[in-house]
C-alpha cells in the first residue's frame, strides 16, 4: 500500500464528493427562488449584474412579489426542486455542517501525517513548473508521468487554492448572509458589500468550485487514467488493476448521482418528513453556532440614513376586500378604526389597542437591513415600539406562556398541500421578544409604512429573516405551545414552505 494514498484520504474524497453535490444542488434550488444577482443593496429592478430569468420586473414597488419571480427546477437538478426553498435551505445547512466537519478532519490529518507537503508548494519553482504544465494542457498534450509525484505543479497550486482559499471563502461569504451574524456583527456583513455583495461573491465562489470539480474529474479520466484511478480506489500504484479500478470508480460515481436524485424525490414524496429529518441536524448547528448571538443594537452606529435603499421588494400583497373587510374599512378612514387585539390564550383575557395607543408608547427608531430567505434585501429606517412593551399592555407575562403568536389580516400566498390559503401567522420565542430590535413598526423612512409593506403596523425582528416579520398585524397572543396552531410548525412559512421555526440562519 502506498502511504501517500491512505484509506482516510480516499474516504474523505468520496465523502466530499457526495456533500459537494448536495451543496451545489441545494444552492441552485435557493438561487432559483430569486434567480437574480446584484451588487447594489436595494435589489432595484434592472440593476442586476446577472439573472437566470427572462422576466422583466416592473419599476413600481409593491406590484410584484419575490414569490412571483421564483423558478421551478427539476428534481434532477435542484435539491429538492419544484420551488421548495425551505427544504433547499435545510438540505444546504445539513450539507454545510458535514462538509465543514469532513474538511476539518481532512486538513487535520493532512498536517498530522505530513502529507500537506505534496499539496502545499514549498518552493517558488512551482510557478514556472505550473506554467509549463498549463501550456502542455492547452496544447492538448499530456505531461509526462514523472511530473506526477503524486501531483504536478499545476495540481499543487489548484489544490492549495481550493482547500485553503476557496473553501474558507465560501464559508465566510455564506456566514455573512445569516441574520444572526447581521444583527450581531453588522460590520462583518458590510465588509463583504452587504447581503447582496456576499450573495454575489458566494455565487462566484460556487462557479469556481464547480469548474474545479468538473476539471478535476475530467482530468482523472483523461490524464494517466491507469495511475489515477488505481490511486483513488486501491491507494497503490499497481496499474495491473486499472480496469478493475475504473469499473469500481464509474459504479461509485453512478451510485452517488443516483443518491443525489433519490434525495430530491424522497423529499418531495413527503415534504414534512424531509423537514423533520433535516431540521434534526440543522437545529443542532443553530443551537451551537448561531442561537446565542443576540443583537447588540449596533444598527445605530453601523447603518445610517445614507445606507437607506431606494427600492424595497415585498413578499405577499395586501389583503383584498374579500379576504379582510376589516382591514379595508380601517384603510378607508385613515386607520382611525384599526385596532390591535392582545390576547392571553393561557388565561383567556384580551385587550384592544388603537394606532394612537401604540404611538403613545416609548418610540424606537433604527436603520437596518431586511433580508428575505429568497435572497433579496433592502435597508430602511424603521420606527415603532418594542413588541415587549406592546404585549405588556395585556399585563404581566402569564405563567406557562412560552411564545407570542402574531396574526395578520393577510393570507398566506400559497399552502404547500394546495388547500385554501389560511390567515398568515408567526410565532416567536421569549428570546426574540426580549430583543430591543424586535418592534411593531408603524413608520418607514420617516413616513407611515406603505400598505404593500404591512401598513399600518408590521413586526420587525432584526435577528431573523423576513418570513417572521408579520405584515398587516391583527393580533398578538401569549401562547404556551405553538404546536396546537396551524400545522404546528410555528408559523405559516414553516407550515407551507418547510422552513424552520428558528429564523437565525
Protein backbone atom coordinates (compact mmCIF):
# COMPACT_ATOMS: atom_id res chain seq x y z
CA UNK A 1 0.00 0.00 0.00
CA UNK A 2 1.38 3.37 -0.99
CA UNK A 3 1.41 5.53 2.17
CA UNK A 4 0.65 8.57 0.02
CA UNK A 5 -2.92 7.34 -0.54
CA UNK A 6 -4.17 6.04 2.84
CA UNK A 7 -7.74 4.98 3.42
CA UNK A 8 -8.71 8.17 5.29
CA UNK A 9 -7.64 10.26 2.30
CA UNK A 10 -9.67 8.26 -0.19
CA UNK A 11 -12.70 8.12 2.12
CA UNK A 12 -12.50 11.88 2.71
CA UNK A 13 -12.53 12.49 -1.04
CA UNK A 14 -15.60 10.30 -1.52
CA UNK A 15 -17.49 11.97 1.34
CA UNK A 16 -16.52 15.38 -0.02
CA UNK A 17 -17.79 14.44 -3.47
CA UNK A 18 -21.17 13.41 -2.03
CA UNK A 19 -21.52 16.54 0.10
CA UNK A 20 -20.34 18.98 -2.57
CA UNK A 21 -23.02 17.62 -4.88
CA UNK A 22 -25.65 18.15 -2.18
CA UNK A 23 -24.35 21.66 -1.53
CA UNK A 24 -24.40 22.64 -5.18
CA UNK A 25 -27.84 21.21 -5.89
CA UNK A 26 -29.44 22.76 -2.80
CA UNK A 27 -27.65 26.02 -3.59
CA UNK A 28 -29.16 26.01 -7.07
CA UNK A 29 -32.58 25.43 -5.51
CA UNK A 30 -32.06 28.52 -3.34
CA UNK A 31 -30.85 30.59 -6.29
CA UNK A 32 -33.87 29.56 -8.36
CA UNK A 33 -36.16 31.15 -5.75
CA UNK A 34 -34.75 34.54 -6.77
CA UNK A 35 -32.74 33.98 -9.98
CA UNK A 36 -31.07 37.40 -9.93
CA UNK A 37 -27.82 38.73 -8.52
CA UNK A 38 -27.00 42.29 -7.51
CA UNK A 39 -24.08 44.29 -6.16
CA UNK A 40 -26.50 47.02 -5.05
CA UNK A 41 -28.00 46.67 -1.61
CA UNK A 42 -31.52 47.64 -2.73
CA UNK A 43 -32.02 45.00 -5.47
CA UNK A 44 -33.71 47.56 -7.71
CA UNK A 45 -35.25 46.20 -10.93
CA UNK A 46 -32.94 46.43 -13.91
CA UNK A 47 -29.78 46.76 -11.82
CA UNK A 48 -28.92 43.06 -11.67
CA UNK A 49 -25.44 42.14 -12.85
CA UNK A 50 -26.64 38.62 -13.65
CA UNK A 51 -30.03 36.94 -13.95
CA UNK A 52 -31.30 33.50 -14.91
CA UNK A 53 -34.78 34.50 -15.97
CA UNK A 54 -36.30 36.34 -18.90
CA UNK A 55 -38.95 38.00 -16.75
CA UNK A 56 -38.88 41.80 -16.73
CA UNK A 57 -39.53 43.42 -13.38
CA UNK A 58 -41.91 46.38 -13.07
CA UNK A 59 -40.28 49.57 -11.78
CA UNK A 60 -43.17 50.29 -9.41
CA UNK A 61 -42.83 48.97 -5.87
CA UNK A 62 -45.42 46.69 -4.35
CA UNK A 63 -46.99 45.26 -7.51
CA UNK A 64 -44.67 42.29 -7.96
CA UNK A 65 -43.70 39.93 -5.15
CA UNK A 66 -40.50 37.94 -4.93
CA UNK A 67 -42.51 34.71 -4.88
CA UNK A 68 -43.78 35.59 -8.35
CA UNK A 69 -40.16 35.58 -9.55
CA UNK A 70 -39.43 32.06 -8.32
CA UNK A 71 -38.49 29.47 -10.93
CA UNK A 72 -39.10 25.74 -10.69
CA UNK A 73 -36.07 23.49 -11.01
CA UNK A 74 -36.30 19.84 -11.99
CA UNK A 75 -35.57 17.42 -9.13
CA UNK A 76 -32.82 16.10 -11.39
CA UNK A 77 -31.02 19.42 -10.91
CA UNK A 78 -32.16 21.04 -7.66
CA UNK A 79 -32.39 19.61 -4.16
CA UNK A 80 -35.24 19.03 -3.79
CA UNK A 81 -36.52 21.04 -6.81
CA UNK A 82 -40.01 22.29 -7.69
CA UNK A 83 -39.94 25.61 -5.80
CA UNK A 84 -39.08 24.33 -2.34
CA UNK A 85 -36.68 26.90 -0.95
CA UNK A 86 -37.43 25.95 2.66
CA UNK A 87 -36.30 22.36 2.16
CA UNK A 88 -33.48 23.57 -0.06
CA UNK A 89 -32.18 25.69 2.79
CA UNK A 90 -32.43 22.78 5.21
CA UNK A 91 -30.51 20.47 2.88
CA UNK A 92 -27.94 23.19 2.33
CA UNK A 93 -27.49 23.67 6.06
CA UNK A 94 -27.19 19.94 6.70
CA UNK A 95 -24.66 19.57 3.89
CA UNK A 96 -22.61 22.53 5.11
CA UNK A 97 -22.33 21.08 8.61
CA UNK A 98 -20.99 17.73 7.41
CA UNK A 99 -18.86 19.32 4.66
CA UNK A 100 -17.09 21.57 7.18
CA UNK A 101 -16.64 18.65 9.59
CA UNK A 102 -15.21 16.46 6.82
CA UNK A 103 -12.91 19.30 5.78
CA UNK A 104 -11.62 19.82 9.32
CA UNK A 105 -10.86 16.11 9.67
CA UNK A 106 -9.14 16.10 6.27
CA UNK A 107 -6.94 19.14 6.97
CA UNK A 108 -6.08 17.90 10.47
CA UNK A 109 -4.92 14.53 9.14
CA UNK A 110 -3.16 16.21 6.26
CA UNK A 111 -0.89 18.10 8.65
CA UNK A 112 -0.69 15.32 11.26
CA UNK A 113 0.66 12.86 8.68
CA UNK A 114 2.89 15.32 6.85
CA UNK A 115 1.05 14.75 3.57
CA UNK A 116 0.44 18.50 3.30
CA UNK A 117 3.90 18.81 1.71
CA UNK A 118 2.70 17.19 -1.50
CA UNK A 119 -0.15 19.71 -1.84
CA UNK A 120 1.24 22.95 -0.45
CA UNK A 121 4.17 24.24 -2.58
CA UNK A 122 7.39 24.70 -0.61
CA UNK A 123 9.42 26.28 -3.39
CA UNK A 124 8.89 29.15 -5.81
CA UNK A 125 9.92 26.72 -8.56
CA UNK A 126 6.28 25.67 -8.58
CA UNK A 127 5.35 28.82 -10.54
CA UNK A 128 7.36 28.16 -13.74
CA UNK A 129 6.64 24.44 -13.50
CA UNK A 130 2.90 25.12 -13.24
CA UNK A 131 3.10 27.49 -16.20
CA UNK A 132 4.82 24.77 -18.24
CA UNK A 133 2.11 22.28 -17.27
CA UNK A 134 -0.61 24.74 -18.24
CA UNK A 135 0.93 25.26 -21.68
CA UNK A 136 1.13 21.50 -22.10
CA UNK A 137 -2.56 21.08 -21.28
CA UNK A 138 -3.56 23.97 -23.55
CA UNK A 139 -1.75 22.27 -26.42
CA UNK A 140 -3.94 19.20 -25.71
CA UNK A 141 -0.87 17.22 -24.69
CA UNK A 142 -0.27 15.26 -21.50
CA UNK A 143 2.59 15.97 -19.09
CA UNK A 144 4.95 13.03 -18.61
CA UNK A 145 4.17 10.69 -15.72
CA UNK A 146 7.36 11.65 -13.87
CA UNK A 147 5.84 15.08 -13.15
CA UNK A 148 3.14 13.43 -11.01
CA UNK A 149 4.84 12.62 -7.70
CA UNK A 150 2.00 12.31 -6.93
CA UNK A 151 0.84 15.69 -8.30
CA UNK A 152 2.34 18.08 -10.80
CA UNK A 153 2.92 21.76 -10.01
CA UNK A 154 -0.35 22.94 -11.54
CA UNK A 155 -2.30 20.46 -9.44
CA UNK A 156 -0.47 21.62 -6.33
CA UNK A 157 -1.48 25.22 -6.92
CA UNK A 158 -5.05 24.17 -7.71
CA UNK A 159 -5.45 22.04 -4.59
CA UNK A 160 -3.85 24.66 -2.37
CA UNK A 161 -6.18 27.33 -3.74
CA UNK A 162 -9.33 25.23 -3.35
CA UNK A 163 -8.54 23.83 0.11
CA UNK A 164 -7.01 26.86 1.79
CA UNK A 165 -8.53 29.79 -0.10
CA UNK A 166 -11.74 28.93 -1.96
CA UNK A 167 -13.32 26.66 0.68
CA UNK A 168 -12.79 29.18 3.53
CA UNK A 169 -14.01 31.96 1.21
CA UNK A 170 -17.27 30.04 0.65
CA UNK A 171 -17.70 29.60 4.40
CA UNK A 172 -17.03 33.28 5.17
CA UNK A 173 -19.36 34.64 2.49
CA UNK A 174 -22.05 32.11 3.39
CA UNK A 175 -21.96 33.11 7.05
CA UNK A 176 -22.31 36.78 6.01
CA UNK A 177 -25.84 36.03 4.77
CA UNK A 178 -27.02 34.82 8.19
CA UNK A 179 -29.47 37.12 10.03
CA UNK A 180 -27.79 36.14 13.31
CA UNK A 181 -24.44 37.42 12.05
CA UNK A 182 -26.04 40.52 10.51
CA UNK A 183 -27.74 41.50 13.75
CA UNK A 184 -24.77 40.67 15.99
CA UNK A 185 -21.91 41.79 13.75
CA UNK A 186 -23.35 44.11 11.09
CA UNK A 187 -19.86 45.46 10.31
CA UNK A 188 -18.91 41.98 9.05
CA UNK A 189 -21.75 41.94 6.52
CA UNK A 190 -20.78 45.43 5.40
CA UNK A 191 -17.21 44.20 4.85
CA UNK A 192 -18.47 41.88 2.08
CA UNK A 193 -20.51 44.60 0.41
CA UNK A 194 -23.70 43.92 2.31
CA UNK A 195 -26.05 40.99 1.85
CA UNK A 196 -26.03 41.28 -1.93
CA UNK A 197 -22.25 41.56 -2.10
CA UNK A 198 -21.89 38.42 0.00
CA UNK A 199 -24.51 36.62 -2.10
CA UNK A 200 -22.82 37.55 -5.38
CA UNK A 201 -19.35 36.64 -4.11
CA UNK A 202 -20.70 33.34 -2.81
CA UNK A 203 -22.13 32.66 -6.27
CA UNK A 204 -18.78 33.42 -7.93
CA UNK A 205 -17.10 31.06 -5.48
CA UNK A 206 -19.66 28.40 -6.36
CA UNK A 207 -18.85 28.78 -10.06
CA UNK A 208 -15.13 28.41 -9.34
CA UNK A 209 -15.76 25.36 -7.17
CA UNK A 210 -17.98 23.78 -9.84
CA UNK A 211 -15.38 24.48 -12.52
CA UNK A 212 -12.64 22.91 -10.42
CA UNK A 213 -14.71 19.79 -9.78
CA UNK A 214 -15.57 19.33 -13.46
CA UNK A 215 -11.95 19.85 -14.48
CA UNK A 216 -10.69 17.60 -11.72
CA UNK A 217 -13.00 14.70 -12.59
CA UNK A 218 -12.31 15.05 -16.31
CA UNK A 219 -8.51 15.06 -15.85
CA UNK A 220 -8.72 11.96 -13.67
CA UNK A 221 -10.02 10.05 -16.68
CA UNK A 222 -8.04 11.86 -19.37
CA UNK A 223 -4.53 12.20 -17.93
CA UNK A 224 -2.74 8.98 -16.93
CA UNK A 225 -6.03 7.34 -16.14
CA UNK A 226 -4.49 3.99 -15.24
CA UNK A 227 -2.49 5.59 -12.43
CA UNK A 228 -5.15 8.00 -11.15
CA UNK A 229 -7.98 5.54 -10.71
CA UNK A 230 -5.79 2.94 -9.01
CA UNK A 231 -4.60 5.60 -6.58
CA UNK A 232 -8.17 6.67 -5.85
CA UNK A 233 -9.67 3.19 -5.48
CA UNK A 234 -6.91 0.97 -4.08
CA UNK A 235 -4.40 3.51 -2.78
CA UNK A 236 -1.43 1.88 -4.54
CA UNK A 237 0.29 2.09 -7.93
CA UNK A 238 -0.45 -1.37 -9.32
CA UNK A 239 -1.61 -0.38 -12.79
CA UNK A 240 -2.44 -4.01 -13.48
CA UNK A 241 -5.68 -3.41 -11.60
CA UNK A 242 -6.58 -0.32 -13.65
CA UNK A 243 -9.58 -1.93 -15.39
CA UNK A 244 -11.00 -3.10 -12.09
CA UNK A 245 -10.42 0.32 -10.53
CA UNK A 246 -12.13 2.11 -13.43
CA UNK A 247 -15.17 -0.17 -13.15
CA UNK A 248 -15.43 0.47 -9.41
CA UNK A 249 -14.94 4.22 -9.81
CA UNK A 250 -17.59 4.56 -12.52
CA UNK A 251 -20.02 2.48 -10.46
CA UNK A 252 -19.41 4.70 -7.42
CA UNK A 253 -19.98 7.90 -9.42
CA UNK A 254 -23.24 6.50 -10.83
CA UNK A 255 -24.34 5.46 -7.34
CA UNK A 256 -23.59 8.91 -5.91
CA UNK A 257 -25.52 10.66 -8.69
CA UNK A 258 -28.42 8.28 -8.11
CA UNK A 259 -28.23 9.11 -4.39
CA UNK A 260 -28.42 12.85 -5.13
CA UNK A 261 -31.52 12.36 -7.26
CA UNK A 262 -33.05 9.99 -4.70
CA UNK A 263 -32.77 12.72 -2.03
CA UNK A 264 -34.84 15.04 -4.22
CA UNK A 265 -37.65 12.61 -4.90
CA UNK A 266 -37.60 11.28 -1.32
CA UNK A 267 -38.01 14.86 -0.08
CA UNK A 268 -40.84 15.64 -2.49
CA UNK A 269 -42.68 12.41 -1.69
CA UNK A 270 -43.24 13.59 1.91
CA UNK A 271 -42.05 17.12 2.47
CA UNK A 272 -43.00 17.15 6.13
CA UNK A 273 -40.92 14.04 6.74
CA UNK A 274 -37.97 15.62 4.95
CA UNK A 275 -38.41 18.75 7.05
CA UNK A 276 -38.30 16.78 10.29
CA UNK A 277 -35.25 14.83 9.16
CA UNK A 278 -33.18 17.82 8.07
CA UNK A 279 -34.22 20.04 11.00
CA UNK A 280 -33.00 17.36 13.40
CA UNK A 281 -29.47 18.10 12.16
CA UNK A 282 -29.67 21.80 11.32
CA UNK A 283 -31.29 22.77 14.62
CA UNK A 284 -28.30 21.33 16.45
CA UNK A 285 -25.98 23.50 14.37
CA UNK A 286 -28.11 26.60 15.04
CA UNK A 287 -28.10 25.99 18.77
CA UNK A 288 -24.32 25.60 18.87
CA UNK A 289 -23.22 28.30 16.44
CA UNK A 290 -26.00 30.88 15.96
CA UNK A 291 -28.77 30.98 18.53
CA UNK A 292 -26.60 32.51 21.24
CA UNK A 293 -25.87 35.51 19.01
CA UNK A 294 -28.17 38.20 20.27
CA UNK A 295 -28.38 41.62 18.58
CA UNK A 296 -26.05 44.22 20.02
CA UNK A 297 -28.01 47.31 18.91
CA UNK A 298 -25.21 48.28 16.57
CA UNK A 299 -27.60 49.43 13.86
CA UNK A 300 -27.29 52.99 15.14
CA UNK A 301 -23.54 53.02 14.52
CA UNK A 302 -23.20 50.60 11.60
CA UNK A 303 -26.08 51.71 9.38
CA UNK A 304 -27.09 55.31 8.83
CA UNK A 305 -29.67 57.10 6.72
CA UNK A 306 -27.05 57.21 3.97
CA UNK A 307 -27.43 53.43 3.64
CA UNK A 308 -31.19 53.56 3.01
CA UNK A 309 -32.24 51.72 -0.15
CA UNK A 310 -34.13 53.34 -2.99
CA UNK A 311 -36.20 50.22 -3.70
CA UNK A 312 -37.86 47.67 -1.43
CA UNK A 313 -39.16 44.29 -2.59
CA UNK A 314 -42.07 42.59 -0.90
CA UNK A 315 -43.29 39.05 -0.48
CA UNK A 316 -47.06 39.00 -0.30
CA UNK A 317 -49.69 41.52 -1.30
CA UNK A 318 -52.15 43.40 0.95
CA UNK A 319 -55.38 41.56 1.75
CA UNK A 320 -58.24 42.02 -0.67
CA UNK A 321 -61.66 43.33 0.49
CA UNK A 322 -62.96 39.78 0.35
CA UNK A 323 -60.06 38.46 2.45
CA UNK A 324 -60.24 41.17 5.11
CA UNK A 325 -63.10 43.68 5.03
CA UNK A 326 -61.94 44.96 8.48
CA UNK A 327 -58.50 45.96 7.18
CA UNK A 328 -60.02 47.71 4.16
CA UNK A 329 -62.58 49.55 6.29
CA UNK A 330 -59.78 50.85 8.52
CA UNK A 331 -57.76 51.81 5.47
CA UNK A 332 -60.64 53.90 4.14
CA UNK A 333 -60.88 56.00 7.31
CA UNK A 334 -57.13 56.62 7.55
CA UNK A 335 -56.60 53.81 10.10
CA UNK A 336 -58.75 55.51 12.75
CA UNK A 337 -60.78 52.33 13.22
CA UNK A 338 -57.76 50.00 13.04
CA UNK A 339 -57.24 48.05 16.24
CA UNK A 340 -54.70 45.58 17.54
CA UNK A 341 -56.06 42.78 19.69
CA UNK A 342 -53.90 41.43 22.51
CA UNK A 343 -54.88 38.00 23.81
CA UNK A 344 -53.73 35.79 26.65
CA UNK A 345 -54.52 32.28 25.39
CA UNK A 346 -53.26 30.85 28.70
CA UNK A 347 -55.70 32.72 30.96
CA UNK A 348 -58.33 33.70 28.41
CA UNK A 349 -58.06 37.50 28.69
CA UNK A 350 -57.71 40.17 26.00
CA UNK A 351 -57.49 43.90 25.35
CA UNK A 352 -57.55 46.19 22.31
CA UNK A 353 -55.18 48.99 21.26
CA UNK A 354 -55.56 51.68 18.59
CA UNK A 355 -52.80 53.13 16.44
CA UNK A 356 -52.73 56.19 18.71
CA UNK A 357 -52.27 53.88 21.70
CA UNK A 358 -49.23 52.38 20.02
CA UNK A 359 -47.74 55.77 19.23
CA UNK A 360 -48.12 56.78 22.89
CA UNK A 361 -45.65 54.06 23.92
CA UNK A 362 -41.85 54.73 24.04
CA UNK A 363 -40.59 55.07 20.48
CA UNK A 364 -37.71 53.13 18.91
CA UNK A 365 -36.04 54.07 15.62
CA UNK A 366 -33.09 52.44 13.83
CA UNK A 367 -31.70 51.70 10.36
CA UNK A 368 -31.45 48.01 9.50
CA UNK A 369 -31.24 45.70 6.51
CA UNK A 370 -34.20 43.46 5.78
CA UNK A 371 -33.37 40.10 4.19
CA UNK A 372 -35.73 37.57 2.70
CA UNK A 373 -34.79 33.91 2.69
CA UNK A 374 -35.26 34.06 -1.10
CA UNK A 375 -32.23 36.34 -1.29
CA UNK A 376 -33.33 39.95 -1.75
CA UNK A 377 -32.52 42.69 0.75
CA UNK A 378 -33.32 46.35 1.45
CA UNK A 379 -32.14 48.86 4.06
CA UNK A 380 -34.64 51.20 5.76
CA UNK A 381 -35.16 53.26 8.88
CA UNK A 382 -37.85 51.58 10.96
CA UNK A 383 -39.74 53.42 13.69
CA UNK A 384 -42.18 51.92 16.16
CA UNK A 385 -42.46 50.46 19.64
CA UNK A 386 -40.83 47.44 21.22
CA UNK A 387 -43.03 44.38 20.91
CA UNK A 388 -42.46 43.54 24.56
CA UNK A 389 -43.87 46.96 25.51
CA UNK A 390 -46.94 46.30 23.38
CA UNK A 391 -47.72 42.86 24.78
CA UNK A 392 -47.08 44.24 28.29
CA UNK A 393 -50.30 46.28 27.93
CA UNK A 394 -52.08 42.99 28.49
CA UNK A 395 -50.43 42.66 31.90
CA UNK A 396 -47.55 40.55 33.25
CA UNK A 397 -46.49 37.53 31.24
CA UNK A 398 -48.74 34.68 32.28
CA UNK A 399 -47.25 31.57 33.84
CA UNK A 400 -46.74 28.92 31.19
CA UNK A 401 -46.57 31.36 28.27
CA UNK A 402 -43.53 30.49 26.15
CA UNK A 403 -44.27 32.19 22.83
CA UNK A 404 -46.01 35.13 21.24
CA UNK A 405 -48.15 34.33 18.22
CA UNK A 406 -48.60 37.18 15.73
CA UNK A 407 -51.57 37.08 13.36
CA UNK A 408 -52.08 39.06 10.17
CA UNK A 409 -55.10 40.43 8.36
CA UNK A 410 -53.48 38.94 5.25
CA UNK A 411 -53.47 35.38 3.98
CA UNK A 412 -50.64 33.02 3.12
CA UNK A 413 -49.56 33.29 -0.51
CA UNK A 414 -49.65 29.52 -1.01
CA UNK A 415 -50.18 26.42 1.12
CA UNK A 416 -47.82 23.52 0.48
CA UNK A 417 -50.65 20.98 0.06
CA UNK A 418 -52.71 23.35 -2.15
CA UNK A 419 -55.51 23.69 0.39
CA UNK A 420 -57.26 27.10 0.61
CA UNK A 421 -54.99 29.89 1.81
CA UNK A 422 -55.12 30.49 5.55
CA UNK A 423 -54.50 33.63 7.64
CA UNK A 424 -50.80 34.33 7.96
CA UNK A 425 -49.24 33.95 11.40
CA UNK A 426 -45.83 33.56 13.02
CA UNK A 427 -44.63 32.59 16.48
CA UNK A 428 -41.58 33.95 18.24
CA UNK A 429 -39.92 32.74 21.42
CA UNK A 430 -39.20 34.77 24.53
CA UNK A 431 -35.63 35.41 23.43
CA UNK A 432 -36.70 37.09 20.22
CA UNK A 433 -39.41 39.01 22.05
CA UNK A 434 -36.84 40.41 24.51
CA UNK A 435 -34.58 41.81 21.79
CA UNK A 436 -34.66 45.61 21.69
CA UNK A 437 -34.79 45.48 17.88
CA UNK A 438 -37.97 43.39 17.89
CA UNK A 439 -40.55 46.09 17.34
CA UNK A 440 -44.01 46.77 15.99
CA UNK A 441 -43.16 49.37 13.35
CA UNK A 442 -45.58 52.00 12.05
CA UNK A 443 -43.13 54.18 10.09
CA UNK A 444 -40.51 53.54 7.43
CA UNK A 445 -38.01 56.22 6.46
CA UNK A 446 -39.95 58.84 8.41
CA UNK A 447 -43.34 58.13 6.76
CA UNK A 448 -46.23 55.80 7.59
CA UNK A 449 -45.43 52.28 6.43
CA UNK A 450 -46.60 51.67 2.89
CA UNK A 451 -49.58 49.40 2.55
CA UNK A 452 -47.71 46.84 0.50
CA UNK A 453 -45.03 46.63 3.21
CA UNK A 454 -47.51 45.97 6.01
CA UNK A 455 -49.24 49.21 6.95
CA UNK A 456 -50.42 50.41 9.28
CA UNK A 457 -48.20 48.24 11.51
CA UNK A 458 -45.82 45.35 10.94
CA UNK A 459 -43.35 43.38 13.01
CA UNK A 460 -39.57 43.84 12.75
CA UNK A 461 -37.23 41.15 14.13
CA UNK A 462 -33.72 42.04 13.05
CA UNK A 463 -32.17 38.74 14.11
CA UNK A 464 -34.44 36.80 11.74
CA UNK A 465 -35.41 36.53 8.10
CA UNK A 466 -38.40 38.39 6.73
CA UNK A 467 -40.84 35.49 6.99
CA UNK A 468 -41.09 36.04 10.76
CA UNK A 469 -41.85 39.76 10.37
CA UNK A 470 -45.62 39.65 10.00
CA UNK A 471 -47.24 42.43 7.93
CA UNK A 472 -50.74 43.92 8.43
CA UNK A 473 -50.68 42.84 12.07
CA UNK A 474 -54.07 41.95 13.52
CA UNK A 475 -53.37 40.43 16.94
CA UNK A 476 -50.73 39.29 19.43
CA UNK A 477 -51.28 36.22 21.59
CA UNK A 478 -49.48 34.81 24.60
CA UNK A 479 -49.41 31.04 23.97
CA UNK A 480 -47.91 28.08 25.78
CA UNK A 481 -47.13 25.88 22.76
CA UNK A 482 -47.26 26.65 19.04
CA UNK A 483 -47.78 23.00 18.10
CA UNK A 484 -51.57 23.37 18.52
CA UNK A 485 -51.85 26.16 15.93
CA UNK A 486 -51.84 25.77 12.16
CA UNK A 487 -49.79 22.76 11.15
CA UNK A 488 -47.91 23.01 14.42
CA UNK A 489 -44.63 24.23 12.93
CA UNK A 490 -44.56 27.73 14.41
CA UNK A 491 -45.78 29.86 11.54
CA UNK A 492 -47.34 29.95 8.10
CA UNK A 493 -43.98 29.90 6.32
CA UNK A 494 -42.88 26.97 8.43
CA UNK A 495 -46.19 25.23 7.72
CA UNK A 496 -46.30 25.93 4.00
CA UNK A 497 -42.69 26.11 2.81
CA UNK A 498 -40.98 23.72 5.24
CA UNK A 499 -38.82 26.43 6.76
CA UNK A 500 -37.50 26.01 10.30
CA UNK A 501 -39.20 27.71 13.24
CA UNK A 502 -35.93 29.40 14.22
CA UNK A 503 -35.05 32.24 11.85
CA UNK A 504 -31.46 32.84 12.97
CA UNK A 505 -29.84 31.15 9.96
